């Protein structure tokens, strides 16, 4: 059995666990993206500018947006495609 055939045998979108994981993570990331984007937009309004915690909350929201946009899709793709990162893989170092 070739490596591609083995991969096809392991991963199938029709498997309930993969489909459930994909849907749940999509919903969580979508809600997180919208919530953090709205937080940044609302906290940039003038009435929030003088509060001491506003810059910290904006910083947290922007950090979360970066993780949502750049971090989670990579991990989800790796998990849903059945890929594995080995010890000799340069991305591990």
PDB file of N, CA and C in Angstrom:
ATOM      1  N   UNK A   1       0.848  -1.168   0.000  1.00  0.00           N
ATOM      2  CA  UNK A   1       0.000   0.000   0.000  1.00  0.00           C
ATOM      3  C   UNK A   1       0.900   1.240   0.000  1.00  0.00           C
ATOM      4  N   UNK A   2       0.657   2.166  -0.922  1.00  0.00           N
ATOM      5  CA  UNK A   2       1.465   3.384  -1.005  1.00  0.00           C
ATOM      6  C   UNK A   2       1.082   4.333   0.122  1.00  0.00           C
ATOM      7  N   UNK A   3       1.912   5.337   0.309  1.00  0.00           N
ATOM      8  CA  UNK A   3       1.679   6.294   1.386  1.00  0.00           C
ATOM      9  C   UNK A   3       0.372   7.060   1.162  1.00  0.00           C
ATOM     10  N   UNK A   4       0.066   7.398  -0.091  1.00  0.00           N
ATOM     11  CA  UNK A   4      -1.170   8.122  -0.379  1.00  0.00           C
ATOM     12  C   UNK A   4      -2.397   7.246  -0.132  1.00  0.00           C
ATOM     13  N   UNK A   5      -2.332   5.981  -0.504  1.00  0.00           N
ATOM     14  CA  UNK A   5      -3.447   5.071  -0.244  1.00  0.00           C
ATOM     15  C   UNK A   5      -3.653   4.891   1.248  1.00  0.00           C
ATOM     16  N   UNK A   6      -2.556   4.822   2.000  1.00  0.00           N
ATOM     17  CA  UNK A   6      -2.642   4.688   3.445  1.00  0.00           C
ATOM     18  C   UNK A   6      -3.296   5.935   4.041  1.00  0.00           C
ATOM     19  N   UNK A   7      -2.919   7.103   3.531  1.00  0.00           N
ATOM     20  CA  UNK A   7      -3.498   8.354   4.009  1.00  0.00           C
ATOM     21  C   UNK A   7      -4.993   8.391   3.723  1.00  0.00           C
ATOM     22  N   UNK A   8      -5.409   7.988   2.542  1.00  0.00           N
ATOM     23  CA  UNK A   8      -6.818   7.967   2.188  1.00  0.00           C
ATOM     24  C   UNK A   8      -7.592   6.998   3.081  1.00  0.00           C
ATOM     25  N   UNK A   9      -6.966   5.906   3.462  1.00  0.00           N
ATOM     26  CA  UNK A   9      -7.637   4.933   4.318  1.00  0.00           C
ATOM     27  C   UNK A   9      -7.825   5.477   5.729  1.00  0.00           C
ATOM     28  N   UNK A  10      -6.914   6.335   6.184  1.00  0.00           N
ATOM     29  CA  UNK A  10      -6.991   6.875   7.541  1.00  0.00           C
ATOM     30  C   UNK A  10      -7.979   8.031   7.616  1.00  0.00           C
ATOM     31  N   UNK A  11      -7.938   8.947   6.655  1.00  0.00           N
ATOM     32  CA  UNK A  11      -8.719  10.169   6.709  1.00  0.00           C
ATOM     33  C   UNK A  11      -9.900  10.121   5.758  1.00  0.00           C
ATOM     34  N   UNK A  12     -11.049  10.473   6.264  1.00  0.00           N
ATOM     35  CA  UNK A  12     -12.241  10.574   5.439  1.00  0.00           C
ATOM     36  C   UNK A  12     -13.146  11.638   6.054  1.00  0.00           C
ATOM     37  N   UNK A  13     -13.558  12.606   5.245  1.00  0.00           N
ATOM     38  CA  UNK A  13     -14.451  13.655   5.751  1.00  0.00           C
ATOM     39  C   UNK A  13     -15.785  13.080   6.196  1.00  0.00           C
ATOM     40  N   UNK A  14     -16.100  11.904   5.733  1.00  0.00           N
ATOM     41  CA  UNK A  14     -17.375  11.309   6.094  1.00  0.00           C
ATOM     42  C   UNK A  14     -17.336  10.673   7.477  1.00  0.00           C
ATOM     43  N   UNK A  15     -16.151  10.530   8.028  1.00  0.00           N
ATOM     44  CA  UNK A  15     -16.045  10.034   9.388  1.00  0.00           C
ATOM     45  C   UNK A  15     -16.612  11.108  10.318  1.00  0.00           C
ATOM     46  N   UNK A  16     -17.495  10.725  11.206  1.00  0.00           N
ATOM     47  CA  UNK A  16     -18.213  11.677  12.059  1.00  0.00           C
ATOM     48  C   UNK A  16     -17.280  12.527  12.911  1.00  0.00           C
ATOM     49  N   UNK A  17     -16.186  11.957  13.372  1.00  0.00           N
ATOM     50  CA  UNK A  17     -15.284  12.710  14.251  1.00  0.00           C
ATOM     51  C   UNK A  17     -14.595  13.846  13.505  1.00  0.00           C
ATOM     52  N   UNK A  18     -14.128  13.591  12.288  1.00  0.00           N
ATOM     53  CA  UNK A  18     -13.474  14.642  11.512  1.00  0.00           C
ATOM     54  C   UNK A  18     -14.463  15.746  11.153  1.00  0.00           C
ATOM     55  N   UNK A  19     -15.643  15.365  10.744  1.00  0.00           N
ATOM     56  CA  UNK A  19     -16.650  16.341  10.373  1.00  0.00           C
ATOM     57  C   UNK A  19     -17.069  17.174  11.580  1.00  0.00           C
ATOM     58  N   UNK A  20     -17.287  16.534  12.712  1.00  0.00           N
ATOM     59  CA  UNK A  20     -17.662  17.243  13.930  1.00  0.00           C
ATOM     60  C   UNK A  20     -16.560  18.196  14.367  1.00  0.00           C
ATOM     61  N   UNK A  21     -15.319  17.731  14.358  1.00  0.00           N
ATOM     62  CA  UNK A  21     -14.192  18.577  14.741  1.00  0.00           C
ATOM     63  C   UNK A  21     -14.087  19.791  13.819  1.00  0.00           C
ATOM     64  N   UNK A  22     -14.213  19.577  12.533  1.00  0.00           N
ATOM     65  CA  UNK A  22     -14.127  20.670  11.572  1.00  0.00           C
ATOM     66  C   UNK A  22     -15.216  21.708  11.783  1.00  0.00           C
ATOM     67  N   UNK A  23     -16.436  21.259  11.998  1.00  0.00           N
ATOM     68  CA  UNK A  23     -17.555  22.179  12.193  1.00  0.00           C
ATOM     69  C   UNK A  23     -17.412  22.953  13.500  1.00  0.00           C
ATOM     70  N   UNK A  24     -17.091  22.258  14.579  1.00  0.00           N
ATOM     71  CA  UNK A  24     -16.955  22.916  15.884  1.00  0.00           C
ATOM     72  C   UNK A  24     -15.821  23.928  15.867  1.00  0.00           C
ATOM     73  N   UNK A  25     -14.670  23.561  15.322  1.00  0.00           N
ATOM     74  CA  UNK A  25     -13.545  24.495  15.278  1.00  0.00           C
ATOM     75  C   UNK A  25     -13.857  25.688  14.369  1.00  0.00           C
ATOM     76  N   UNK A  26     -14.541  25.462  13.267  1.00  0.00           N
ATOM     77  CA  UNK A  26     -14.929  26.570  12.404  1.00  0.00           C
ATOM     78  C   UNK A  26     -15.828  27.548  13.154  1.00  0.00           C
ATOM     79  N   UNK A  27     -16.797  27.023  13.896  1.00  0.00           N
ATOM     80  CA  UNK A  27     -17.694  27.891  14.659  1.00  0.00           C
ATOM     81  C   UNK A  27     -16.946  28.655  15.754  1.00  0.00           C
ATOM     82  N   UNK A  28     -16.081  27.970  16.488  1.00  0.00           N
ATOM     83  CA  UNK A  28     -15.323  28.620  17.555  1.00  0.00           C
ATOM     84  C   UNK A  28     -14.433  29.721  16.986  1.00  0.00           C
ATOM     85  N   UNK A  29     -13.720  29.425  15.903  1.00  0.00           N
ATOM     86  CA  UNK A  29     -12.821  30.413  15.316  1.00  0.00           C
ATOM     87  C   UNK A  29     -13.584  31.569  14.677  1.00  0.00           C
ATOM     88  N   UNK A  30     -14.725  31.296  14.085  1.00  0.00           N
ATOM     89  CA  UNK A  30     -15.532  32.371  13.495  1.00  0.00           C
ATOM     90  C   UNK A  30     -16.054  33.316  14.568  1.00  0.00           C
ATOM     91  N   UNK A  31     -16.588  32.752  15.638  1.00  0.00           N
ATOM     92  CA  UNK A  31     -17.088  33.574  16.738  1.00  0.00           C
ATOM     93  C   UNK A  31     -15.947  34.346  17.389  1.00  0.00           C
ATOM     94  N   UNK A  32     -14.798  33.695  17.566  1.00  0.00           N
ATOM     95  CA  UNK A  32     -13.639  34.366  18.145  1.00  0.00           C
ATOM     96  C   UNK A  32     -13.146  35.507  17.280  1.00  0.00           C
ATOM     97  N   UNK A  33     -13.125  35.299  15.969  1.00  0.00           N
ATOM     98  CA  UNK A  33     -12.666  36.348  15.055  1.00  0.00           C
ATOM     99  C   UNK A  33     -13.606  37.548  15.110  1.00  0.00           C
ATOM    100  N   UNK A  34     -14.908  37.289  15.002  1.00  0.00           N
ATOM    101  CA  UNK A  34     -15.886  38.380  15.013  1.00  0.00           C
ATOM    102  C   UNK A  34     -15.852  39.105  16.360  1.00  0.00           C
ATOM    103  N   UNK A  35     -15.796  38.361  17.451  1.00  0.00           N
ATOM    104  CA  UNK A  35     -15.777  38.969  18.780  1.00  0.00           C
ATOM    105  C   UNK A  35     -14.551  39.838  19.009  1.00  0.00           C
ATOM    106  N   UNK A  36     -13.385  39.348  18.636  1.00  0.00           N
ATOM    107  CA  UNK A  36     -12.159  40.121  18.826  1.00  0.00           C
ATOM    108  C   UNK A  36     -12.098  41.326  17.899  1.00  0.00           C
ATOM    109  N   UNK A  37     -12.571  41.177  16.670  1.00  0.00           N
ATOM    110  CA  UNK A  37     -12.589  42.309  15.744  1.00  0.00           C
ATOM    111  C   UNK A  37     -13.536  43.402  16.250  1.00  0.00           C
ATOM    112  N   UNK A  38     -14.702  43.005  16.740  1.00  0.00           N
ATOM    113  CA  UNK A  38     -15.638  43.989  17.302  1.00  0.00           C
ATOM    114  C   UNK A  38     -15.063  44.651  18.548  1.00  0.00           C
ATOM    115  N   UNK A  39     -14.354  43.895  19.361  1.00  0.00           N
ATOM    116  CA  UNK A  39     -13.727  44.463  20.558  1.00  0.00           C
ATOM    117  C   UNK A  39     -12.741  45.560  20.180  1.00  0.00           C
ATOM    118  N   UNK A  40     -11.910  45.295  19.185  1.00  0.00           N
ATOM    119  CA  UNK A  40     -10.942  46.312  18.744  1.00  0.00           C
ATOM    120  C   UNK A  40     -11.673  47.545  18.212  1.00  0.00           C
ATOM    121  N   UNK A  41     -12.706  47.341  17.394  1.00  0.00           N
ATOM    122  CA  UNK A  41     -13.442  48.472  16.837  1.00  0.00           C
ATOM    123  C   UNK A  41     -14.136  49.298  17.917  1.00  0.00           C
ATOM    124  N   UNK A  42     -14.747  48.645  18.875  1.00  0.00           N
ATOM    125  CA  UNK A  42     -15.467  49.353  19.933  1.00  0.00           C
ATOM    126  C   UNK A  42     -14.500  50.084  20.856  1.00  0.00           C
ATOM    127  N   UNK A  43     -13.398  49.455  21.218  1.00  0.00           N
ATOM    128  CA  UNK A  43     -12.465  50.083  22.152  1.00  0.00           C
ATOM    129  C   UNK A  43     -11.672  51.224  21.523  1.00  0.00           C
ATOM    130  N   UNK A  44     -11.714  51.363  20.221  1.00  0.00           N
ATOM    131  CA  UNK A  44     -11.026  52.491  19.575  1.00  0.00           C
ATOM    132  C   UNK A  44     -11.892  53.754  19.548  1.00  0.00           C
ATOM    133  N   UNK A  45     -13.101  53.657  20.000  1.00  0.00           N
ATOM    134  CA  UNK A  45     -13.988  54.820  20.042  1.00  0.00           C
ATOM    135  C   UNK A  45     -13.500  55.806  21.101  1.00  0.00           C
ATOM    136  N   UNK A  46     -13.771  57.099  20.906  1.00  0.00           N
ATOM    137  CA  UNK A  46     -13.250  58.131  21.812  1.00  0.00           C
ATOM    138  C   UNK A  46     -13.660  57.969  23.277  1.00  0.00           C
ATOM    139  N   UNK A  47     -14.855  57.469  23.542  1.00  0.00           N
ATOM    140  CA  UNK A  47     -15.294  57.353  24.946  1.00  0.00           C
ATOM    141  C   UNK A  47     -14.500  56.297  25.726  1.00  0.00           C
ATOM    142  N   UNK A  48     -13.816  55.412  25.041  1.00  0.00           N
ATOM    143  CA  UNK A  48     -12.996  54.401  25.709  1.00  0.00           C
ATOM    144  C   UNK A  48     -11.518  54.766  25.736  1.00  0.00           C
ATOM    145  N   UNK A  49     -11.140  55.831  25.070  1.00  0.00           N
ATOM    146  CA  UNK A  49      -9.731  56.183  24.905  1.00  0.00           C
ATOM    147  C   UNK A  49      -9.046  56.547  26.220  1.00  0.00           C
ATOM    148  N   UNK A  50      -9.755  57.085  27.173  1.00  0.00           N
ATOM    149  CA  UNK A  50      -9.138  57.555  28.421  1.00  0.00           C
ATOM    150  C   UNK A  50      -9.095  56.512  29.525  1.00  0.00           C
ATOM    151  N   UNK A  51      -9.655  55.366  29.298  1.00  0.00           N
ATOM    152  CA  UNK A  51      -9.659  54.318  30.324  1.00  0.00           C
ATOM    153  C   UNK A  51      -8.319  53.599  30.326  1.00  0.00           C
ATOM    154  N   UNK A  52      -7.868  53.228  31.508  1.00  0.00           N
ATOM    155  CA  UNK A  52      -6.533  52.646  31.663  1.00  0.00           C
ATOM    156  C   UNK A  52      -6.409  51.252  31.050  1.00  0.00           C
ATOM    157  N   UNK A  53      -7.469  50.474  31.075  1.00  0.00           N
ATOM    158  CA  UNK A  53      -7.393  49.094  30.592  1.00  0.00           C
ATOM    159  C   UNK A  53      -7.608  48.950  29.089  1.00  0.00           C
ATOM    160  N   UNK A  54      -8.020  50.010  28.425  1.00  0.00           N
ATOM    161  CA  UNK A  54      -8.315  49.926  26.991  1.00  0.00           C
ATOM    162  C   UNK A  54      -7.125  49.450  26.161  1.00  0.00           C
ATOM    163  N   UNK A  55      -5.914  50.008  26.329  1.00  0.00           N
ATOM    164  CA  UNK A  55      -4.793  49.513  25.519  1.00  0.00           C
ATOM    165  C   UNK A  55      -4.474  48.033  25.767  1.00  0.00           C
ATOM    166  N   UNK A  56      -4.633  47.604  27.003  1.00  0.00           N
ATOM    167  CA  UNK A  56      -4.363  46.191  27.319  1.00  0.00           C
ATOM    168  C   UNK A  56      -5.392  45.275  26.655  1.00  0.00           C
ATOM    169  N   UNK A  57      -6.654  45.678  26.686  1.00  0.00           N
ATOM    170  CA  UNK A  57      -7.698  44.862  26.069  1.00  0.00           C
ATOM    171  C   UNK A  57      -7.553  44.831  24.549  1.00  0.00           C
ATOM    172  N   UNK A  58      -7.164  45.955  23.955  1.00  0.00           N
ATOM    173  CA  UNK A  58      -6.922  45.977  22.508  1.00  0.00           C
ATOM    174  C   UNK A  58      -5.750  45.064  22.165  1.00  0.00           C
ATOM    175  N   UNK A  59      -4.708  45.103  22.987  1.00  0.00           N
ATOM    176  CA  UNK A  59      -3.545  44.243  22.764  1.00  0.00           C
ATOM    177  C   UNK A  59      -3.931  42.765  22.826  1.00  0.00           C
ATOM    178  N   UNK A  60      -4.731  42.385  23.806  1.00  0.00           N
ATOM    179  CA  UNK A  60      -5.185  40.995  23.917  1.00  0.00           C
ATOM    180  C   UNK A  60      -6.038  40.594  22.712  1.00  0.00           C
ATOM    181  N   UNK A  61      -6.905  41.482  22.281  1.00  0.00           N
ATOM    182  CA  UNK A  61      -7.757  41.169  21.135  1.00  0.00           C
ATOM    183  C   UNK A  61      -6.942  41.005  19.857  1.00  0.00           C
ATOM    184  N   UNK A  62      -5.963  41.877  19.649  1.00  0.00           N
ATOM    185  CA  UNK A  62      -5.123  41.761  18.455  1.00  0.00           C
ATOM    186  C   UNK A  62      -4.287  40.485  18.507  1.00  0.00           C
ATOM    187  N   UNK A  63      -3.763  40.140  19.693  1.00  0.00           N
ATOM    188  CA  UNK A  63      -3.020  38.887  19.840  1.00  0.00           C
ATOM    189  C   UNK A  63      -3.888  37.683  19.534  1.00  0.00           C
ATOM    190  N   UNK A  64      -5.116  37.699  20.012  1.00  0.00           N
ATOM    191  CA  UNK A  64      -6.040  36.598  19.726  1.00  0.00           C
ATOM    192  C   UNK A  64      -6.366  36.520  18.238  1.00  0.00           C
ATOM    193  N   UNK A  65      -6.534  37.665  17.596  1.00  0.00           N
ATOM    194  CA  UNK A  65      -6.801  37.675  16.155  1.00  0.00           C
ATOM    195  C   UNK A  65      -5.641  37.066  15.378  1.00  0.00           C
ATOM    196  N   UNK A  66      -4.419  37.389  15.779  1.00  0.00           N
ATOM    197  CA  UNK A  66      -3.245  36.824  15.100  1.00  0.00           C
ATOM    198  C   UNK A  66      -3.218  35.312  15.251  1.00  0.00           C
ATOM    199  N   UNK A  67      -3.501  34.825  16.444  1.00  0.00           N
ATOM    200  CA  UNK A  67      -3.514  33.377  16.676  1.00  0.00           C
ATOM    201  C   UNK A  67      -4.642  32.721  15.878  1.00  0.00           C
ATOM    202  N   UNK A  68      -5.816  33.354  15.863  1.00  0.00           N
ATOM    203  CA  UNK A  68      -6.953  32.791  15.131  1.00  0.00           C
ATOM    204  C   UNK A  68      -6.662  32.729  13.634  1.00  0.00           C
ATOM    205  N   UNK A  69      -6.041  33.760  13.093  1.00  0.00           N
ATOM    206  CA  UNK A  69      -5.806  33.824  11.648  1.00  0.00           C
ATOM    207  C   UNK A  69      -4.599  32.989  11.225  1.00  0.00           C
ATOM    208  N   UNK A  70      -3.534  33.007  12.018  1.00  0.00           N
ATOM    209  CA  UNK A  70      -2.292  32.349  11.596  1.00  0.00           C
ATOM    210  C   UNK A  70      -2.013  31.010  12.283  1.00  0.00           C
ATOM    211  N   UNK A  71      -2.434  30.842  13.516  1.00  0.00           N
ATOM    212  CA  UNK A  71      -2.073  29.647  14.271  1.00  0.00           C
ATOM    213  C   UNK A  71      -3.026  28.482  14.113  1.00  0.00           C
ATOM    214  N   UNK A  72      -4.282  28.700  14.415  1.00  0.00           N
ATOM    215  CA  UNK A  72      -5.240  27.605  14.413  1.00  0.00           C
ATOM    216  C   UNK A  72      -5.468  26.971  13.045  1.00  0.00           C
ATOM    217  N   UNK A  73      -5.520  27.730  11.956  1.00  0.00           N
ATOM    218  CA  UNK A  73      -5.705  27.061  10.661  1.00  0.00           C
ATOM    219  C   UNK A  73      -4.588  26.079  10.320  1.00  0.00           C
ATOM    220  N   UNK A  74      -3.372  26.395  10.712  1.00  0.00           N
ATOM    221  CA  UNK A  74      -2.257  25.481  10.445  1.00  0.00           C
ATOM    222  C   UNK A  74      -2.446  24.183  11.229  1.00  0.00           C
ATOM    223  N   UNK A  75      -2.797  24.304  12.492  1.00  0.00           N
ATOM    224  CA  UNK A  75      -2.994  23.123  13.344  1.00  0.00           C
ATOM    225  C   UNK A  75      -4.187  22.314  12.854  1.00  0.00           C
ATOM    226  N   UNK A  76      -5.288  22.991  12.520  1.00  0.00           N
ATOM    227  CA  UNK A  76      -6.465  22.272  12.033  1.00  0.00           C
ATOM    228  C   UNK A  76      -6.169  21.535  10.731  1.00  0.00           C
ATOM    229  N   UNK A  77      -5.446  22.181   9.830  1.00  0.00           N
ATOM    230  CA  UNK A  77      -5.095  21.531   8.567  1.00  0.00           C
ATOM    231  C   UNK A  77      -4.247  20.294   8.814  1.00  0.00           C
ATOM    232  N   UNK A  78      -3.283  20.408   9.708  1.00  0.00           N
ATOM    233  CA  UNK A  78      -2.426  19.279  10.029  1.00  0.00           C
ATOM    234  C   UNK A  78      -3.238  18.126  10.619  1.00  0.00           C
ATOM    235  N   UNK A  79      -4.143  18.430  11.546  1.00  0.00           N
ATOM    236  CA  UNK A  79      -4.949  17.381  12.174  1.00  0.00           C
ATOM    237  C   UNK A  79      -5.955  16.761  11.212  1.00  0.00           C
ATOM    238  N   UNK A  80      -6.612  17.592  10.422  1.00  0.00           N
ATOM    239  CA  UNK A  80      -7.661  17.077   9.547  1.00  0.00           C
ATOM    240  C   UNK A  80      -7.128  16.341   8.330  1.00  0.00           C
ATOM    241  N   UNK A  81      -5.911  16.619   7.929  1.00  0.00           N
ATOM    242  CA  UNK A  81      -5.342  15.898   6.797  1.00  0.00           C
ATOM    243  C   UNK A  81      -4.563  14.671   7.236  1.00  0.00           C
ATOM    244  N   UNK A  82      -4.451  14.452   8.524  1.00  0.00           N
ATOM    245  CA  UNK A  82      -3.753  13.284   9.024  1.00  0.00           C
ATOM    246  C   UNK A  82      -2.249  13.437   9.011  1.00  0.00           C
ATOM    247  N   UNK A  83      -1.764  14.634   8.773  1.00  0.00           N
ATOM    248  CA  UNK A  83      -0.326  14.868   8.744  1.00  0.00           C
ATOM    249  C   UNK A  83       0.284  14.777  10.130  1.00  0.00           C
ATOM    250  N   UNK A  84       1.545  14.440  10.162  1.00  0.00           N
ATOM    251  CA  UNK A  84       2.256  14.352  11.429  1.00  0.00           C
ATOM    252  C   UNK A  84       3.580  15.078  11.306  1.00  0.00           C
ATOM    253  N   UNK A  85       3.974  15.715  12.382  1.00  0.00           N
ATOM    254  CA  UNK A  85       5.262  16.387  12.419  1.00  0.00           C
ATOM    255  C   UNK A  85       6.211  15.469  13.177  1.00  0.00           C
ATOM    256  N   UNK A  86       7.260  15.055  12.500  1.00  0.00           N
ATOM    257  CA  UNK A  86       8.221  14.146  13.115  1.00  0.00           C
ATOM    258  C   UNK A  86       9.367  14.886  13.769  1.00  0.00           C
ATOM    259  N   UNK A  87      10.179  14.156  14.500  1.00  0.00           N
ATOM    260  CA  UNK A  87      11.312  14.751  15.188  1.00  0.00           C
ATOM    261  C   UNK A  87      12.338  15.302  14.210  1.00  0.00           C
ATOM    262  N   UNK A  88      12.479  14.687  13.057  1.00  0.00           N
ATOM    263  CA  UNK A  88      13.465  15.135  12.092  1.00  0.00           C
ATOM    264  C   UNK A  88      12.914  16.233  11.165  1.00  0.00           C
ATOM    265  N   UNK A  89      11.680  16.641  11.384  1.00  0.00           N
ATOM    266  CA  UNK A  89      11.063  17.710  10.587  1.00  0.00           C
ATOM    267  C   UNK A  89      11.653  19.059  11.017  1.00  0.00           C
ATOM    268  N   UNK A  90      12.087  19.891  10.074  1.00  0.00           N
ATOM    269  CA  UNK A  90      12.700  21.175  10.428  1.00  0.00           C
ATOM    270  C   UNK A  90      11.746  22.132  11.130  1.00  0.00           C
ATOM    271  N   UNK A  91      10.425  21.947  11.010  1.00  0.00           N
ATOM    272  CA  UNK A  91       9.495  22.834  11.691  1.00  0.00           C
ATOM    273  C   UNK A  91       9.445  22.588  13.188  1.00  0.00           C
ATOM    274  N   UNK A  92      10.023  21.488  13.656  1.00  0.00           N
ATOM    275  CA  UNK A  92      10.027  21.176  15.093  1.00  0.00           C
ATOM    276  C   UNK A  92      11.168  21.859  15.834  1.00  0.00           C
ATOM    277  N   UNK A  93      12.111  22.372  15.132  1.00  0.00           N
ATOM    278  CA  UNK A  93      13.289  22.922  15.801  1.00  0.00           C
ATOM    279  C   UNK A  93      13.200  24.384  16.011  1.00  0.00           C
TER     280      UNK A  93
END
